[in-house]
Amino acid sequence: MVSRRGFLAGTAAAGISGFAGCGLLGPNMEVIRDSCTGPSGECTIVFENHGQSGEVRVMVEHRRREEGPIIHTDSKVVYFPGGEKKEVTINAAGPSDAQGYTVGTENV
């Protein structure tokens, strides 16, 4: 089962600290939908950038349990135009015992 709780909590915290630190410059990403085809398959994620254009590191974090610790991370740096939606495919070559994943981003 897919867990988005960690990602949403991180996004909310980043948004709050962005306002506090005037961090509104750069991309401001929202996950529209995601789909992974297993621990050694591909993840396809659709993002919408509500901020400015820029590079973003897209991360898929694999977990042994849905809410467990991160055991492996796959990432890819992608350029996102401001105000647009974009689909990203990332090779999620996680360990075979991974049971859950979260998707996240960070500005580069």
Protein backbone atom coordinates (compact mmCIF):
# COMPACT_ATOMS: atom_id res chain seq x y z
CA MET A 1 0.00 0.00 0.00
CA VAL A 2 1.28 3.47 -0.85
CA SER A 3 1.95 5.89 1.99
CA ARG A 4 1.76 9.60 1.31
CA ARG A 5 1.49 10.69 4.95
CA GLY A 6 5.22 11.28 5.35
CA PHE A 7 5.41 13.20 2.11
CA LEU A 8 2.41 15.36 2.93
CA ALA A 9 3.75 16.11 6.42
CA GLY A 10 7.10 17.11 4.93
CA THR A 11 5.44 19.25 2.30
CA ALA A 12 3.35 21.05 4.93
CA ALA A 13 6.42 21.68 7.09
CA ALA A 14 8.38 22.95 4.09
CA GLY A 15 5.52 25.27 3.15
CA ILE A 16 5.32 26.72 6.64
CA SER A 17 9.08 27.23 6.91
CA GLY A 18 9.04 28.71 3.39
CA PHE A 19 6.69 31.44 4.53
CA ALA A 20 8.72 32.06 7.67
CA GLY A 21 12.03 32.30 5.81
CA CYS A 22 10.75 34.02 2.69
CA GLY A 23 11.53 30.81 0.77
CA LEU A 24 8.89 31.38 -1.88
CA LEU A 25 11.51 31.54 -4.62
CA GLY A 26 12.04 28.48 -6.75
CA PRO A 27 9.85 25.48 -7.48
CA ASN A 28 6.91 24.61 -5.22
CA MET A 29 5.97 21.04 -6.07
CA GLU A 30 2.71 19.13 -5.55
CA VAL A 31 2.31 15.41 -6.29
CA ILE A 32 -0.79 14.92 -8.45
CA ARG A 33 -0.50 11.11 -8.68
CA ASP A 34 2.10 8.37 -8.47
CA SER A 35 2.37 4.74 -9.44
CA CYS A 36 5.18 2.28 -8.74
CA THR A 37 5.33 -1.19 -10.26
CA GLY A 38 7.07 -2.96 -7.37
CA PRO A 39 10.38 -2.65 -5.54
CA SER A 40 12.48 -3.19 -8.68
CA GLY A 41 10.21 -1.46 -11.19
CA GLU A 42 9.59 2.08 -12.33
CA CYS A 43 7.74 4.86 -10.57
CA THR A 44 5.78 7.36 -12.63
CA ILE A 45 4.91 10.56 -10.77
CA VAL A 46 2.93 13.55 -12.03
CA PHE A 47 3.88 16.85 -10.40
CA GLU A 48 2.51 20.36 -10.62
CA ASN A 49 4.90 23.24 -9.99
CA HIS A 50 3.09 26.10 -8.23
CA GLY A 51 6.30 28.15 -8.00
CA GLN A 52 9.05 29.39 -10.26
CA SER A 53 11.04 27.35 -12.77
CA GLY A 54 14.01 25.41 -11.46
CA GLU A 55 15.69 22.09 -10.81
CA VAL A 56 14.20 19.66 -8.31
CA ARG A 57 15.50 16.38 -6.92
CA VAL A 58 12.66 13.81 -7.16
CA MET A 59 13.04 11.05 -4.56
CA VAL A 60 11.40 7.66 -4.04
CA GLU A 61 12.10 6.42 -0.52
CA HIS A 62 11.65 2.68 0.09
CA ARG A 63 10.60 1.29 3.48
CA ARG A 64 10.34 -2.20 4.97
CA ARG A 65 7.02 -1.24 6.51
CA GLU A 66 4.65 1.49 5.40
CA GLU A 67 5.66 3.78 8.29
CA GLY A 68 9.10 2.25 8.93
CA PRO A 69 12.56 3.73 8.48
CA ILE A 70 13.90 4.50 5.01
CA ILE A 71 16.04 1.62 3.73
CA HIS A 72 16.82 2.88 0.22
CA THR A 73 16.35 6.07 -1.80
CA ASP A 74 16.30 6.50 -5.58
CA SER A 75 16.53 10.04 -6.93
CA LYS A 76 16.71 12.03 -10.13
CA VAL A 77 17.25 15.76 -10.79
CA VAL A 78 14.66 17.25 -13.16
CA TYR A 79 14.02 20.79 -14.47
CA PHE A 80 10.44 21.97 -13.89
CA PRO A 81 8.96 24.99 -15.69
CA GLY A 82 6.98 27.30 -13.41
CA GLY A 83 3.22 26.83 -13.29
CA GLU A 84 3.20 23.56 -15.26
CA LYS A 85 2.43 19.87 -14.76
CA LYS A 86 5.06 17.31 -15.67
CA GLU A 87 5.34 13.51 -15.54
CA VAL A 88 8.59 12.02 -14.24
CA THR A 89 9.63 8.37 -14.48
CA ILE A 90 12.29 7.14 -12.09
CA ASN A 91 13.89 3.69 -11.88
CA ALA A 92 12.96 2.58 -8.36
CA ALA A 93 15.46 -0.24 -7.91
CA GLY A 94 14.66 -0.71 -4.23
CA PRO A 95 15.47 -3.77 -2.16
CA SER A 96 13.25 -6.83 -2.55
CA ASP A 97 12.02 -6.60 1.05
CA ALA A 98 10.63 -3.06 0.60
CA GLN A 99 6.90 -2.95 1.34
CA GLY A 100 6.12 0.74 1.09
CA TYR A 101 7.42 3.92 -0.47
CA THR A 102 7.00 7.67 -0.31
CA VAL A 103 7.60 10.26 -3.00
CA GLY A 104 9.15 13.61 -2.26
CA THR A 105 11.08 16.52 -3.75
CA GLU A 106 13.70 19.04 -2.72
CA ASN A 107 14.87 22.11 -4.60
CA VAL A 108 18.40 21.85 -5.97
